Protein backbone atom coordinates (compact mmCIF):
# COMPACT_ATOMS: atom_id res chain seq x y z
CA MET A 1 -4.90 27.65 -27.93
CA LYS A 2 -2.33 25.47 -26.26
CA VAL A 3 0.47 23.13 -27.30
CA VAL A 4 1.84 20.54 -24.90
CA ALA A 5 5.23 18.97 -25.62
CA PHE A 6 6.65 15.82 -24.12
CA ASN A 7 10.42 15.65 -23.85
CA GLY A 8 11.15 11.92 -23.95
CA SER A 9 14.85 12.34 -23.26
CA ALA A 10 16.60 10.99 -20.18
CA ARG A 11 18.19 14.46 -20.01
CA LYS A 12 15.70 17.05 -18.79
CA ASP A 13 17.27 20.05 -20.46
CA GLY A 14 19.39 18.43 -23.15
CA ASN A 15 19.24 18.70 -26.92
CA THR A 16 15.64 17.51 -27.27
CA ALA A 17 14.39 20.16 -24.83
CA ILE A 18 16.43 22.84 -26.60
CA LEU A 19 14.78 21.96 -29.92
CA ILE A 20 11.30 21.89 -28.37
CA ARG A 21 11.86 25.30 -26.78
CA ARG A 22 12.88 26.64 -30.19
CA VAL A 23 9.51 25.53 -31.59
CA PHE A 24 7.82 27.03 -28.52
CA ALA A 25 9.41 30.43 -29.19
CA ALA A 26 7.71 30.58 -32.59
CA LEU A 27 4.39 29.39 -31.12
CA GLU A 28 4.49 31.86 -28.24
CA LYS A 29 5.27 34.69 -30.68
CA GLU A 30 1.91 33.85 -32.29
CA GLY A 31 0.11 33.96 -28.93
CA ILE A 32 -0.13 30.20 -28.39
CA GLU A 33 0.32 28.91 -24.85
CA THR A 34 2.93 26.17 -24.37
CA GLU A 35 3.73 23.58 -21.73
CA LEU A 36 6.80 21.34 -21.59
CA VAL A 37 6.49 17.99 -19.83
CA GLN A 38 9.86 16.51 -18.97
CA MET A 39 9.47 12.72 -18.97
CA ALA A 40 12.92 12.09 -17.46
CA GLY A 41 12.42 10.37 -14.12
CA MET A 42 8.73 9.70 -14.72
CA LYS A 43 7.41 6.29 -13.91
CA VAL A 44 6.23 4.82 -17.24
CA ARG A 45 5.62 1.40 -18.67
CA GLY A 46 4.46 0.09 -22.01
CA CYS A 47 1.00 -1.04 -23.01
CA ILE A 48 0.04 -4.43 -21.55
CA ALA A 49 -2.64 -5.07 -24.20
CA CYS A 50 -5.36 -5.61 -21.60
CA PHE A 51 -7.93 -3.75 -23.77
CA LYS A 52 -9.66 -2.46 -20.62
CA CYS A 53 -9.64 1.01 -22.19
CA PHE A 54 -12.23 -0.31 -24.67
CA GLU A 55 -14.47 -1.36 -21.76
CA ASN A 56 -13.91 1.68 -19.53
CA LYS A 57 -14.09 4.38 -22.23
CA ASP A 58 -13.01 7.04 -19.71
CA GLN A 59 -10.17 8.62 -21.74
CA ARG A 60 -7.65 6.94 -19.45
CA CYS A 61 -5.42 3.92 -19.69
CA ALA A 62 -6.51 1.15 -17.32
CA VAL A 63 -2.94 0.91 -15.96
CA ARG A 64 -3.06 3.59 -13.29
CA ASN A 65 0.09 3.03 -11.24
CA ASP A 66 2.40 5.22 -13.32
CA ASP A 67 2.54 8.69 -14.90
CA ILE A 68 1.13 8.02 -18.38
CA ASN A 69 -2.46 9.01 -17.58
CA SER A 70 -1.35 12.48 -16.50
CA CYS A 71 0.30 12.81 -19.92
CA ILE A 72 -2.82 11.56 -21.71
CA GLU A 73 -4.93 14.13 -19.82
CA LYS A 74 -2.62 16.91 -21.03
CA MET A 75 -2.85 15.59 -24.60
CA VAL A 76 -6.65 15.59 -24.51
CA ALA A 77 -6.75 19.16 -23.14
CA ALA A 78 -4.30 20.56 -25.72
CA ASP A 79 -4.93 21.75 -29.27
CA GLY A 80 -1.45 20.72 -30.38
CA ILE A 81 0.95 17.99 -29.28
CA ILE A 82 4.70 17.76 -29.75
CA LEU A 83 6.49 14.51 -29.05
CA GLY A 84 10.22 15.06 -28.69
CA SER A 85 12.68 12.20 -28.61
CA PRO A 86 16.38 11.62 -28.82
CA THR A 87 17.46 8.90 -31.23
CA TYR A 88 18.25 5.70 -29.34
CA PHE A 89 19.38 2.85 -31.60
CA ALA A 90 17.42 4.36 -34.52
CA ASN A 91 14.18 4.58 -32.56
CA VAL A 92 12.25 6.65 -30.02
CA SER A 93 13.09 6.61 -26.34
CA THR A 94 11.34 4.16 -24.03
CA GLU A 95 9.31 6.99 -22.52
CA ILE A 96 7.97 8.19 -25.86
CA LYS A 97 7.24 4.63 -27.00
CA ALA A 98 5.19 3.97 -23.87
CA LEU A 99 3.29 7.24 -24.39
CA ILE A 100 2.64 6.50 -28.07
CA ASP A 101 1.37 2.98 -27.41
CA ARG A 102 -0.83 3.79 -24.46
CA ALA A 103 -2.18 7.16 -25.62
CA GLY A 104 -2.77 5.71 -29.07
CA MET A 105 -4.70 2.72 -27.78
CA THR A 106 -6.68 4.88 -25.35
CA SER A 107 -7.53 7.32 -28.14
CA ILE A 108 -8.80 4.56 -30.42
CA ALA A 109 -10.80 3.04 -27.55
CA ASN A 110 -12.44 6.40 -26.91
CA GLY A 111 -13.63 7.17 -30.44
CA GLY A 112 -10.49 8.96 -31.60
CA MET A 113 -10.13 11.51 -28.81
CA LEU A 114 -6.94 12.95 -30.38
CA ARG A 115 -8.49 13.34 -33.85
CA ARG A 116 -7.87 16.66 -35.60
CA LYS A 117 -5.34 17.89 -33.06
CA VAL A 118 -2.12 19.23 -34.57
CA GLY A 119 0.91 17.04 -33.96
CA ALA A 120 4.62 17.57 -34.56
CA ALA A 121 7.69 15.43 -34.04
CA VAL A 122 10.95 16.89 -32.72
CA VAL A 123 14.01 14.65 -32.93
CA ALA A 124 17.53 15.04 -31.55
CA VAL A 125 20.26 12.89 -33.09
CA ARG A 126 24.01 12.42 -32.94
CA ARG A 127 24.48 11.13 -36.49
CA ALA A 128 21.94 8.70 -38.00
CA GLY A 129 18.64 6.96 -37.31
CA ALA A 130 16.61 10.13 -36.78
CA THR A 131 14.28 9.58 -39.70
CA ASN A 132 13.10 6.34 -38.06
CA VAL A 133 12.25 8.31 -34.91
CA TYR A 134 10.50 11.00 -36.96
CA ASP A 135 8.55 8.29 -38.79
CA ALA A 136 7.49 6.47 -35.59
CA ILE A 137 6.08 9.65 -34.09
CA ASN A 138 4.31 10.67 -37.30
CA ARG A 139 2.77 7.21 -37.64
CA PHE A 140 1.23 7.72 -34.20
CA TYR A 141 -0.22 11.03 -35.37
CA GLY A 142 -1.53 9.45 -38.55
CA ILE A 143 -3.29 6.54 -36.88
CA SER A 144 -4.75 8.98 -34.33
CA GLY A 145 -6.29 11.12 -37.08
CA MET A 146 -4.11 14.10 -36.21
CA ILE A 147 -2.90 16.80 -38.61
CA VAL A 148 0.87 17.19 -39.12
CA PRO A 149 2.45 20.43 -40.40
CA GLY A 150 5.66 20.34 -42.39
CA SER A 151 8.82 22.41 -42.15
CA ILE A 152 11.86 23.06 -44.35
CA TYR A 153 13.39 19.67 -43.56
CA TRP A 154 12.61 16.72 -41.30
CA ASN A 155 12.20 18.02 -37.76
CA LEU A 156 15.57 17.07 -36.38
CA GLY A 157 18.60 18.69 -34.84
CA ILE A 158 22.10 17.24 -34.80
CA GLY A 159 24.31 17.28 -31.71
CA LEU A 160 25.92 14.81 -29.31
CA GLY A 161 26.60 16.54 -26.00
CA PRO A 162 24.09 18.71 -24.15
CA GLY A 163 23.61 21.98 -26.01
CA GLN A 164 25.39 20.92 -29.20
CA VAL A 165 22.17 21.14 -31.27
CA GLU A 166 22.50 24.90 -30.91
CA ASN A 167 25.37 24.66 -33.44
CA ASP A 168 23.06 23.06 -36.05
CA GLU A 169 21.86 26.15 -37.90
CA GLU A 170 19.66 24.23 -40.34
CA GLY A 171 18.10 22.25 -37.48
CA LEU A 172 17.29 25.47 -35.62
CA ARG A 173 15.76 27.04 -38.75
CA THR A 174 13.71 23.88 -39.19
CA MET A 175 12.34 24.24 -35.65
CA ASP A 176 11.54 27.93 -36.23
CA GLU A 177 9.61 27.07 -39.40
CA LEU A 178 7.89 24.15 -37.67
CA GLY A 179 6.62 26.45 -34.92
CA GLN A 180 5.42 29.02 -37.46
CA ASN A 181 3.65 26.37 -39.55
CA MET A 182 2.12 24.76 -36.48
CA ALA A 183 0.79 28.14 -35.29
CA TRP A 184 -0.59 28.96 -38.76
CA LEU A 185 -2.34 25.59 -39.01
CA MET A 186 -3.82 25.80 -35.52
CA LYS A 187 -5.18 29.27 -36.24
CA LYS A 188 -6.75 28.08 -39.50
CA LEU A 189 -8.36 25.12 -37.73
CA HIS A 190 -9.77 27.32 -34.96
CA ALA A 191 -10.91 30.21 -37.16
């Protein structure tokens, strides 16, 4: 089994990546393969509502001049998907929003190609707005027919500067529990 995570932060190895790697440690301990995709510097754009994905039905977005299709391919190949985002003005990053909109539309156009995969949100925040980010990601999972495991709190870690989430003990415990619950769920689904 494999989980692919998308770090939607402009900082490749900042707080969002630290939180994702914490989840990965729990998954890897359970024998689940992991892959981290750093979206910083990727060429991405939002959905243009062309609806060509409904005509093409090739599990790809019709916009092919950026990096989103490589992300969609990884999502299709994985058993579990983590979307990680910092909190920007109480919402997901531009990169994660583009991925949600285009992967979501492509999934619907292709008969629900993400259905029954396990999905988890990971959110980094300075102070407030994180629950909106958590909600936006989980709404994507819900409309895609994915299965979302819980944790001991909402899946967020608090910290401003790079590395400061490592001082959020409750946030780190939440990520540990998220990884354990995600692994348990994936094993149950693949038993």
